[in-house]
Amino acid sequence: MSAKLAEISDAARALSTDEKLALAEELFAAALHESPSPHETAWQAEIQRRREEVLSGKVKLIPGDEVERSLDRLLG
């Protein structure tokens, strides 16, 4: 590993988890010589919004088995 790469890697480790994921996505897209499509960018923003709602307690997750029981009751 070059000194420059080690320096960048150390700086990246100091980022928040969200920043690390965003950086990884950018680097992956750059490695493929593609920029994210508008749809991918929109989905990433939506995923981030929903994640923040869950983490903040604004929304409550429902266990899958509870959802299945509710659907069984509704659909018979």
Protein backbone atom coordinates (compact mmCIF):
# COMPACT_ATOMS: atom_id res chain seq x y z
CA MET A 1 0.00 0.00 0.00
CA SER A 2 1.41 3.38 -0.95
CA ALA A 3 1.76 6.14 1.62
CA LYS A 4 -0.95 8.17 -0.13
CA LEU A 5 -3.37 5.21 -0.11
CA ALA A 6 -2.61 4.55 3.57
CA GLU A 7 -3.33 8.21 4.36
CA ILE A 8 -6.64 8.12 2.47
CA SER A 9 -7.57 4.81 4.09
CA ASP A 10 -6.90 6.20 7.58
CA ALA A 11 -9.03 9.27 6.82
CA ALA A 12 -11.84 7.06 5.49
CA ARG A 13 -11.84 4.99 8.69
CA ALA A 14 -12.55 8.18 10.66
CA LEU A 15 -15.79 8.81 8.72
CA SER A 16 -19.23 7.96 10.06
CA THR A 17 -20.83 4.74 8.87
CA ASP A 18 -23.10 6.64 6.47
CA GLU A 19 -20.15 8.57 5.06
CA LYS A 20 -18.17 5.35 4.61
CA LEU A 21 -21.07 3.77 2.73
CA ALA A 22 -21.50 6.84 0.53
CA LEU A 23 -17.77 6.87 -0.22
CA ALA A 24 -17.79 3.16 -1.02
CA GLU A 25 -20.68 3.68 -3.44
CA GLU A 26 -18.87 6.55 -5.15
CA LEU A 27 -15.65 4.58 -5.45
CA PHE A 28 -17.46 1.52 -6.77
CA ALA A 29 -19.27 3.62 -9.39
CA ALA A 30 -16.00 5.30 -10.35
CA ALA A 31 -14.31 1.92 -10.66
CA LEU A 32 -17.02 0.89 -13.10
CA HIS A 33 -16.69 4.22 -14.94
CA GLU A 34 -20.33 4.88 -14.29
CA SER A 35 -22.07 7.44 -12.20
CA PRO A 36 -25.17 6.34 -10.32
CA SER A 37 -28.37 6.55 -12.34
CA PRO A 38 -31.00 9.06 -11.24
CA HIS A 39 -33.11 6.13 -10.08
CA GLU A 40 -30.29 4.72 -7.97
CA THR A 41 -29.63 8.13 -6.46
CA ALA A 42 -33.32 8.52 -5.62
CA TRP A 43 -33.47 5.05 -4.05
CA GLN A 44 -30.38 5.75 -1.95
CA ALA A 45 -31.99 8.95 -0.65
CA GLU A 46 -35.19 7.05 0.15
CA ILE A 47 -33.27 4.28 1.92
CA GLN A 48 -31.40 6.86 4.00
CA ARG A 49 -34.66 8.68 4.88
CA ARG A 50 -36.34 5.44 5.99
CA ARG A 51 -33.27 4.35 7.96
CA GLU A 52 -33.22 7.65 9.83
CA GLU A 53 -36.94 7.32 10.62
CA VAL A 54 -36.37 3.88 12.15
CA LEU A 55 -33.28 4.92 14.10
CA SER A 56 -34.97 8.05 15.45
CA GLY A 57 -38.01 6.08 16.58
CA LYS A 58 -40.35 8.00 14.28
CA VAL A 59 -41.52 4.70 12.79
CA LYS A 60 -41.71 1.25 14.34
CA LEU A 61 -40.70 -1.91 12.52
CA ILE A 62 -43.18 -4.80 12.54
CA PRO A 63 -41.85 -8.36 12.79
CA GLY A 64 -42.44 -10.44 9.66
CA ASP A 65 -44.47 -13.12 11.42
CA GLU A 66 -46.83 -10.45 12.76
CA VAL A 67 -47.28 -9.06 9.25
CA GLU A 68 -48.03 -12.55 7.93
CA ARG A 69 -50.67 -13.13 10.63
CA SER A 70 -52.30 -9.79 9.80
CA LEU A 71 -52.34 -10.64 6.10
CA ASP A 72 -53.84 -14.05 6.83
CA ARG A 73 -56.63 -12.40 8.82
CA LEU A 74 -57.28 -9.80 6.12
CA LEU A 75 -57.08 -12.10 3.12
CA GLY A 76 -58.53 -15.18 4.72
